Amino acid sequence: MPRPSIFNKLPERIRSELDARIIASGYTDFAGHAAWLTAQGYPTGTSAVHRYGQRLKARKTVKRVTLSQSEQVAAVQLALLAGEPVDQVTAVERGWGFRLASIIYRLRRQGWPILDERDNNNGLARYWLEPGWSPPIPADMKKP
């Protein structure tokens, strides 16, 4: 049975600092991180820190959160109103999910004048609003 990991025994303050250092270094300089841990009173080797860094990177990658459906729609609306072009790559990177075309379809049905183009016929659509357009104010939100 392998011995317990030193990283499970680190105080929260030290582990948080180590995580921040590893992330800030771009998941490199494991010898430097091992030296820092040793200086803090927790001697360990470069290989152990490297294994910990790889597990940290995997956890950070998996923790990407996808917004709820209504949050996705609101995020797309805000981006379009801010004049940003939106495509599927952007949607995934920002956690808006994989249903951008569906969101665009619904917005168009609601009267949003969304324009689009395809990049070099590769199938990736980019969407944006007509310049100067803003959504109508709902009747219940207008001043009497």
N, C-alpha and C. Protein backbone atom coordinates (compact mmCIF):
# COMPACT_ATOMS: atom_id res chain seq x y z
N MET A 1 0.84 -1.16 0.00
CA MET A 1 0.00 0.00 0.00
C MET A 1 0.90 1.25 0.00
N PRO A 2 0.64 2.20 -0.93
CA PRO A 2 1.49 3.38 -0.99
C PRO A 2 1.27 4.28 0.23
N ARG A 3 2.29 5.02 0.56
CA ARG A 3 2.16 5.94 1.70
C ARG A 3 1.25 7.11 1.31
N PRO A 4 0.61 7.72 2.29
CA PRO A 4 -0.28 8.84 2.00
C PRO A 4 0.48 10.02 1.39
N SER A 5 -0.16 10.73 0.52
CA SER A 5 0.44 11.87 -0.15
C SER A 5 0.69 13.01 0.84
N ILE A 6 1.84 13.64 0.72
CA ILE A 6 2.14 14.80 1.56
C ILE A 6 1.15 15.93 1.28
N PHE A 7 0.64 15.98 0.06
CA PHE A 7 -0.24 17.08 -0.33
C PHE A 7 -1.59 17.02 0.39
N ASN A 8 -2.00 15.82 0.79
CA ASN A 8 -3.24 15.68 1.57
C ASN A 8 -3.06 16.18 3.00
N LYS A 9 -1.82 16.24 3.44
CA LYS A 9 -1.54 16.65 4.82
C LYS A 9 -1.19 18.14 4.93
N LEU A 10 -1.05 18.83 3.81
CA LEU A 10 -0.67 20.25 3.85
C LEU A 10 -1.79 21.09 4.46
N PRO A 11 -1.43 22.10 5.24
CA PRO A 11 -2.46 23.03 5.71
C PRO A 11 -3.09 23.74 4.51
N GLU A 12 -4.34 24.14 4.65
CA GLU A 12 -5.08 24.76 3.55
C GLU A 12 -4.35 25.98 2.98
N ARG A 13 -3.75 26.79 3.85
CA ARG A 13 -3.04 28.00 3.40
C ARG A 13 -1.87 27.63 2.49
N ILE A 14 -1.11 26.62 2.87
CA ILE A 14 0.05 26.20 2.07
C ILE A 14 -0.42 25.58 0.75
N ARG A 15 -1.44 24.73 0.82
CA ARG A 15 -1.93 24.09 -0.41
C ARG A 15 -2.50 25.12 -1.38
N SER A 16 -3.23 26.10 -0.87
CA SER A 16 -3.77 27.16 -1.74
C SER A 16 -2.65 27.95 -2.40
N GLU A 17 -1.63 28.26 -1.63
CA GLU A 17 -0.48 28.99 -2.19
C GLU A 17 0.23 28.15 -3.24
N LEU A 18 0.40 26.86 -2.96
CA LEU A 18 1.04 25.96 -3.93
C LEU A 18 0.21 25.90 -5.21
N ASP A 19 -1.10 25.73 -5.08
CA ASP A 19 -1.97 25.69 -6.26
C ASP A 19 -1.82 26.96 -7.07
N ALA A 20 -1.85 28.11 -6.40
CA ALA A 20 -1.73 29.39 -7.10
C ALA A 20 -0.38 29.50 -7.80
N ARG A 21 0.68 29.05 -7.16
CA ARG A 21 2.02 29.10 -7.77
C ARG A 21 2.10 28.21 -9.00
N ILE A 22 1.55 27.00 -8.89
CA ILE A 22 1.60 26.07 -10.02
C ILE A 22 0.81 26.63 -11.21
N ILE A 23 -0.39 27.15 -10.93
CA ILE A 23 -1.22 27.70 -12.00
C ILE A 23 -0.55 28.92 -12.63
N ALA A 24 0.00 29.81 -11.78
CA ALA A 24 0.66 31.02 -12.28
C ALA A 24 1.88 30.70 -13.14
N SER A 25 2.53 29.58 -12.86
CA SER A 25 3.72 29.20 -13.63
C SER A 25 3.35 28.46 -14.91
N GLY A 26 2.06 28.28 -15.13
CA GLY A 26 1.64 27.55 -16.33
C GLY A 26 1.90 26.05 -16.20
N TYR A 27 1.81 25.55 -14.99
CA TYR A 27 2.03 24.13 -14.70
C TYR A 27 3.45 23.71 -15.09
N THR A 28 4.42 24.57 -14.75
CA THR A 28 5.83 24.28 -15.00
C THR A 28 6.61 24.59 -13.73
N ASP A 29 7.94 24.53 -13.80
CA ASP A 29 8.85 24.86 -12.70
C ASP A 29 8.56 24.05 -11.45
N PHE A 30 8.41 22.73 -11.62
CA PHE A 30 8.10 21.88 -10.48
C PHE A 30 9.27 21.79 -9.50
N ALA A 31 10.49 21.95 -10.00
CA ALA A 31 11.65 21.96 -9.09
C ALA A 31 11.57 23.19 -8.18
N GLY A 32 11.18 24.30 -8.73
CA GLY A 32 11.03 25.52 -7.93
C GLY A 32 9.93 25.38 -6.89
N HIS A 33 8.84 24.74 -7.28
CA HIS A 33 7.73 24.53 -6.33
C HIS A 33 8.15 23.57 -5.22
N ALA A 34 8.91 22.55 -5.59
CA ALA A 34 9.40 21.60 -4.58
C ALA A 34 10.34 22.31 -3.60
N ALA A 35 11.19 23.19 -4.12
CA ALA A 35 12.10 23.94 -3.25
C ALA A 35 11.31 24.87 -2.32
N TRP A 36 10.27 25.50 -2.85
CA TRP A 36 9.44 26.38 -2.03
C TRP A 36 8.76 25.58 -0.91
N LEU A 37 8.20 24.40 -1.26
CA LEU A 37 7.56 23.57 -0.24
C LEU A 37 8.56 23.16 0.84
N THR A 38 9.77 22.78 0.43
CA THR A 38 10.81 22.39 1.38
C THR A 38 11.14 23.56 2.31
N ALA A 39 11.24 24.77 1.74
CA ALA A 39 11.52 25.96 2.54
C ALA A 39 10.38 26.25 3.53
N GLN A 40 9.16 25.82 3.20
CA GLN A 40 8.02 26.02 4.09
C GLN A 40 7.95 24.94 5.18
N GLY A 41 8.86 23.95 5.09
CA GLY A 41 8.90 22.90 6.11
C GLY A 41 8.20 21.60 5.67
N TYR A 42 7.96 21.46 4.38
CA TYR A 42 7.30 20.27 3.84
C TYR A 42 8.16 19.71 2.72
N PRO A 43 9.25 18.98 3.09
CA PRO A 43 10.17 18.49 2.06
C PRO A 43 9.49 17.47 1.15
N THR A 44 9.70 17.66 -0.15
CA THR A 44 9.17 16.74 -1.16
C THR A 44 10.01 16.86 -2.42
N GLY A 45 9.84 15.92 -3.30
CA GLY A 45 10.62 15.89 -4.53
C GLY A 45 9.90 16.51 -5.71
N THR A 46 10.68 16.77 -6.74
CA THR A 46 10.14 17.37 -7.96
C THR A 46 9.09 16.47 -8.61
N SER A 47 9.34 15.17 -8.64
CA SER A 47 8.39 14.25 -9.27
C SER A 47 7.04 14.25 -8.57
N ALA A 48 7.06 14.31 -7.25
CA ALA A 48 5.80 14.33 -6.50
C ALA A 48 5.03 15.61 -6.79
N VAL A 49 5.73 16.73 -6.86
CA VAL A 49 5.06 18.01 -7.16
C VAL A 49 4.53 17.98 -8.59
N HIS A 50 5.28 17.37 -9.50
CA HIS A 50 4.82 17.25 -10.89
C HIS A 50 3.53 16.43 -10.96
N ARG A 51 3.48 15.30 -10.27
CA ARG A 51 2.25 14.48 -10.26
C ARG A 51 1.09 15.27 -9.68
N TYR A 52 1.35 16.01 -8.58
CA TYR A 52 0.30 16.83 -7.97
C TYR A 52 -0.16 17.91 -8.96
N GLY A 53 0.77 18.54 -9.64
CA GLY A 53 0.43 19.58 -10.61
C GLY A 53 -0.42 19.05 -11.75
N GLN A 54 -0.13 17.83 -12.21
CA GLN A 54 -0.93 17.24 -13.28
C GLN A 54 -2.34 16.93 -12.81
N ARG A 55 -2.48 16.45 -11.57
CA ARG A 55 -3.82 16.20 -11.02
C ARG A 55 -4.58 17.52 -10.83
N LEU A 56 -3.87 18.57 -10.39
CA LEU A 56 -4.49 19.89 -10.24
C LEU A 56 -4.99 20.39 -11.59
N LYS A 57 -4.19 20.26 -12.62
CA LYS A 57 -4.58 20.71 -13.96
C LYS A 57 -5.81 19.95 -14.44
N ALA A 58 -5.84 18.65 -14.20
CA ALA A 58 -7.00 17.84 -14.61
C ALA A 58 -8.26 18.28 -13.86
N ARG A 59 -8.14 18.55 -12.57
CA ARG A 59 -9.30 19.00 -11.79
C ARG A 59 -9.80 20.35 -12.29
N LYS A 60 -8.89 21.27 -12.59
CA LYS A 60 -9.29 22.60 -13.06
C LYS A 60 -9.96 22.51 -14.42
N THR A 61 -9.53 21.60 -15.26
CA THR A 61 -10.12 21.43 -16.58
C THR A 61 -11.53 20.86 -16.47
N VAL A 62 -11.74 19.90 -15.60
CA VAL A 62 -13.04 19.25 -15.44
C VAL A 62 -14.06 20.19 -14.81
N LYS A 63 -13.61 21.13 -14.00
CA LYS A 63 -14.53 21.99 -13.26
C LYS A 63 -15.15 23.09 -14.11
N ARG A 64 -14.94 23.09 -15.43
CA ARG A 64 -15.58 24.09 -16.27
C ARG A 64 -17.08 23.99 -16.11
N VAL A 65 -17.69 25.08 -15.80
CA VAL A 65 -19.12 25.08 -15.51
C VAL A 65 -19.88 25.58 -16.73
N THR A 66 -20.97 24.88 -17.03
CA THR A 66 -21.85 25.33 -18.09
C THR A 66 -23.03 26.03 -17.43
N LEU A 67 -23.40 27.17 -17.97
CA LEU A 67 -24.51 27.95 -17.42
C LEU A 67 -25.83 27.25 -17.66
N SER A 68 -26.84 27.61 -16.88
CA SER A 68 -28.18 27.08 -17.12
C SER A 68 -28.69 27.63 -18.45
N GLN A 69 -29.78 27.06 -18.95
CA GLN A 69 -30.30 27.47 -20.25
C GLN A 69 -30.67 28.95 -20.28
N SER A 70 -31.35 29.44 -19.26
CA SER A 70 -31.74 30.85 -19.25
C SER A 70 -30.50 31.75 -19.11
N GLU A 71 -29.48 31.30 -18.37
CA GLU A 71 -28.25 32.08 -18.25
C GLU A 71 -27.49 32.11 -19.58
N GLN A 72 -27.54 30.99 -20.32
CA GLN A 72 -26.90 30.95 -21.63
C GLN A 72 -27.53 31.96 -22.57
N VAL A 73 -28.87 32.00 -22.60
CA VAL A 73 -29.59 32.94 -23.46
C VAL A 73 -29.23 34.37 -23.07
N ALA A 74 -29.25 34.66 -21.79
CA ALA A 74 -28.93 36.01 -21.31
C ALA A 74 -27.49 36.39 -21.66
N ALA A 75 -26.56 35.45 -21.53
CA ALA A 75 -25.17 35.74 -21.85
C ALA A 75 -24.99 36.03 -23.33
N VAL A 76 -25.66 35.27 -24.19
CA VAL A 76 -25.59 35.51 -25.63
C VAL A 76 -26.21 36.87 -25.96
N GLN A 77 -27.35 37.17 -25.35
CA GLN A 77 -28.00 38.46 -25.58
C GLN A 77 -27.06 39.61 -25.20
N LEU A 78 -26.45 39.52 -24.03
CA LEU A 78 -25.55 40.58 -23.58
C LEU A 78 -24.36 40.76 -24.52
N ALA A 79 -23.79 39.65 -24.97
CA ALA A 79 -22.66 39.73 -25.88
C ALA A 79 -23.06 40.40 -27.20
N LEU A 80 -24.21 39.98 -27.73
CA LEU A 80 -24.68 40.57 -28.99
C LEU A 80 -24.97 42.06 -28.82
N LEU A 81 -25.63 42.43 -27.72
CA LEU A 81 -25.94 43.84 -27.48
C LEU A 81 -24.68 44.68 -27.27
N ALA A 82 -23.61 44.04 -26.78
CA ALA A 82 -22.34 44.74 -26.59
C ALA A 82 -21.58 44.87 -27.91
N GLY A 83 -22.14 44.33 -28.99
CA GLY A 83 -21.49 44.43 -30.30
C GLY A 83 -20.45 43.36 -30.57
N GLU A 84 -20.41 42.34 -29.73
CA GLU A 84 -19.44 41.26 -29.92
C GLU A 84 -19.97 40.23 -30.90
N PRO A 85 -19.16 39.81 -31.88
CA PRO A 85 -19.59 38.67 -32.69
C PRO A 85 -19.50 37.40 -31.84
N VAL A 86 -20.42 36.49 -32.05
CA VAL A 86 -20.49 35.28 -31.25
C VAL A 86 -20.43 34.07 -32.18
N ASP A 87 -19.63 33.08 -31.81
CA ASP A 87 -19.60 31.81 -32.55
C ASP A 87 -19.56 30.66 -31.55
N GLN A 88 -19.62 29.43 -32.06
CA GLN A 88 -19.69 28.27 -31.17
C GLN A 88 -18.45 28.12 -30.32
N VAL A 89 -17.29 28.43 -30.86
CA VAL A 89 -16.05 28.32 -30.09
C VAL A 89 -16.11 29.27 -28.89
N THR A 90 -16.52 30.50 -29.12
CA THR A 90 -16.67 31.47 -28.04
C THR A 90 -17.68 30.98 -27.01
N ALA A 91 -18.79 30.42 -27.49
CA ALA A 91 -19.84 29.95 -26.59
C ALA A 91 -19.31 28.86 -25.65
N VAL A 92 -18.57 27.92 -26.18
CA VAL A 92 -18.03 26.84 -25.35
C VAL A 92 -17.00 27.38 -24.37
N GLU A 93 -16.11 28.24 -24.85
CA GLU A 93 -15.06 28.79 -23.98
C GLU A 93 -15.65 29.56 -22.81
N ARG A 94 -16.78 30.23 -23.03
CA ARG A 94 -17.39 31.05 -21.98
C ARG A 94 -18.41 30.28 -21.15
N GLY A 95 -18.58 29.00 -21.42
CA GLY A 95 -19.50 28.18 -20.63
C GLY A 95 -20.95 28.35 -21.02
N TRP A 96 -21.20 28.78 -22.25
CA TRP A 96 -22.57 28.98 -22.71
C TRP A 96 -23.18 27.71 -23.28
N GLY A 97 -22.43 26.63 -23.29
CA GLY A 97 -22.96 25.36 -23.78
C GLY A 97 -22.72 25.16 -25.26
N PHE A 98 -23.36 24.11 -25.79
CA PHE A 98 -23.15 23.70 -27.17
C PHE A 98 -24.37 23.96 -28.04
N ARG A 99 -25.31 24.74 -27.57
CA ARG A 99 -26.56 24.95 -28.30
C ARG A 99 -26.71 26.38 -28.81
N LEU A 100 -25.64 26.98 -29.28
CA LEU A 100 -25.70 28.36 -29.73
C LEU A 100 -26.68 28.54 -30.87
N ALA A 101 -26.69 27.65 -31.85
CA ALA A 101 -27.60 27.78 -32.99
C ALA A 101 -29.05 27.78 -32.52
N SER A 102 -29.37 26.97 -31.53
CA SER A 102 -30.72 26.93 -30.99
C SER A 102 -31.08 28.25 -30.32
N ILE A 103 -30.13 28.83 -29.58
CA ILE A 103 -30.37 30.11 -28.92
C ILE A 103 -30.59 31.20 -29.97
N ILE A 104 -29.76 31.20 -31.01
CA ILE A 104 -29.89 32.20 -32.08
C ILE A 104 -31.26 32.05 -32.77
N TYR A 105 -31.67 30.82 -33.02
CA TYR A 105 -32.97 30.56 -33.65
C TYR A 105 -34.10 31.17 -32.81
N ARG A 106 -34.06 30.91 -31.49
CA ARG A 106 -35.11 31.45 -30.61
C ARG A 106 -35.10 32.98 -30.57
N LEU A 107 -33.91 33.57 -30.53
CA LEU A 107 -33.83 35.02 -30.51
C LEU A 107 -34.36 35.62 -31.80
N ARG A 108 -34.07 34.99 -32.91
CA ARG A 108 -34.60 35.48 -34.19
C ARG A 108 -36.12 35.40 -34.21
N ARG A 109 -36.67 34.34 -33.64
CA ARG A 109 -38.13 34.21 -33.59
C ARG A 109 -38.75 35.28 -32.70
N GLN A 110 -37.97 35.80 -31.76
CA GLN A 110 -38.44 36.87 -30.88
C GLN A 110 -38.22 38.25 -31.50
N GLY A 111 -37.72 38.29 -32.73
CA GLY A 111 -37.55 39.55 -33.42
C GLY A 111 -36.16 40.15 -33.41
N TRP A 112 -35.18 39.43 -32.89
CA TRP A 112 -33.81 39.93 -32.88
C TRP A 112 -33.24 39.84 -34.30
N PRO A 113 -32.78 40.94 -34.91
CA PRO A 113 -32.23 40.90 -36.26
C PRO A 113 -30.77 40.45 -36.27
N ILE A 114 -30.57 39.17 -36.07
CA ILE A 114 -29.22 38.62 -35.97
C ILE A 114 -28.72 38.25 -37.35
N LEU A 115 -27.55 38.77 -37.71
CA LEU A 115 -26.90 38.47 -38.98
C LEU A 115 -25.88 37.36 -38.75
N ASP A 116 -25.49 36.69 -39.84
CA ASP A 116 -24.50 35.63 -39.69
C ASP A 116 -23.66 35.49 -40.95
N GLU A 117 -22.51 34.85 -40.78
CA GLU A 117 -21.64 34.48 -41.90
C GLU A 117 -20.91 33.20 -41.52
N ARG A 118 -20.44 32.50 -42.51
CA ARG A 118 -19.67 31.27 -42.30
C ARG A 118 -18.21 31.54 -42.63
N ASP A 119 -17.32 30.99 -41.82
CA ASP A 119 -15.89 31.15 -42.05
C ASP A 119 -15.40 30.18 -43.11
N ASN A 120 -14.99 30.68 -44.25
CA ASN A 120 -14.35 29.86 -45.30
C ASN A 120 -15.07 28.55 -45.56
N ASN A 121 -16.37 28.56 -45.49
CA ASN A 121 -17.18 27.36 -45.74
C ASN A 121 -16.81 26.18 -44.84
N ASN A 122 -16.32 26.46 -43.63
CA ASN A 122 -15.98 25.36 -42.73
C ASN A 122 -17.14 25.00 -41.80
N GLY A 123 -18.27 25.67 -41.96
CA GLY A 123 -19.44 25.35 -41.16
C GLY A 123 -19.57 26.14 -39.87
N LEU A 124 -18.52 26.87 -39.47
CA LEU A 124 -18.57 27.64 -38.23
C LEU A 124 -19.25 28.98 -38.52
N ALA A 125 -20.41 29.18 -37.90
CA ALA A 125 -21.16 30.42 -38.12
C ALA A 125 -20.78 31.44 -37.06
N ARG A 126 -20.68 32.69 -37.48
CA ARG A 126 -20.44 33.81 -36.58
C ARG A 126 -21.69 34.68 -36.65
N TYR A 127 -22.20 35.09 -35.49
CA TYR A 127 -23.44 35.86 -35.40
C TYR A 127 -23.18 37.23 -34.79
N TRP A 128 -23.94 38.23 -35.23
CA TRP A 128 -23.88 39.56 -34.65
C TRP A 128 -25.19 40.27 -34.93
N LEU A 129 -25.42 41.36 -34.22
CA LEU A 129 -26.64 42.15 -34.39
C LEU A 129 -26.46 43.23 -35.43
N GLU A 130 -27.58 43.64 -36.04
CA GLU A 130 -27.55 44.80 -36.92
C GLU A 130 -27.04 45.99 -36.11
N PRO A 131 -26.15 46.78 -36.66
CA PRO A 131 -25.65 47.94 -35.91
C PRO A 131 -26.79 48.89 -35.53
N GLY A 132 -26.75 49.36 -34.28
CA GLY A 132 -27.72 50.33 -33.81
C GLY A 132 -29.03 49.76 -33.31
N TRP A 133 -29.23 48.46 -33.43
CA TRP A 133 -30.49 47.87 -32.98
C TRP A 133 -30.46 47.68 -31.47
N SER A 134 -31.59 47.89 -30.84
CA SER A 134 -31.73 47.57 -29.41
C SER A 134 -33.10 46.93 -29.22
N PRO A 135 -33.23 46.06 -28.24
CA PRO A 135 -34.50 45.35 -28.06
C PRO A 135 -35.60 46.32 -27.59
N PRO A 136 -36.83 46.04 -27.99
CA PRO A 136 -37.93 46.90 -27.52
C PRO A 136 -38.13 46.73 -26.02
N ILE A 137 -38.59 47.78 -25.39
CA ILE A 137 -38.87 47.74 -23.95
C ILE A 137 -40.25 47.12 -23.76
N PRO A 138 -40.35 46.07 -22.94
CA PRO A 138 -41.66 45.44 -22.72
C PRO A 138 -42.67 46.45 -22.14
N ALA A 139 -43.94 46.26 -22.48
CA ALA A 139 -44.98 47.18 -22.05
C ALA A 139 -45.05 47.34 -20.54
N ASP A 140 -44.81 46.25 -19.80
CA ASP A 140 -44.90 46.34 -18.35
C ASP A 140 -43.70 47.06 -17.72
N MET A 141 -42.69 47.36 -18.52
CA MET A 141 -41.49 48.05 -18.00
C MET A 141 -41.49 49.53 -18.39
N LYS A 142 -42.40 49.95 -19.26
CA LYS A 142 -42.44 51.34 -19.69
C LYS A 142 -43.01 52.22 -18.59
N LYS A 143 -42.56 53.46 -18.55
CA LYS A 143 -43.06 54.42 -17.56
C LYS A 143 -44.47 54.84 -17.95
N PRO A 144 -45.36 55.03 -16.97
CA PRO A 144 -46.74 55.44 -17.29
C PRO A 144 -46.82 56.86 -17.79
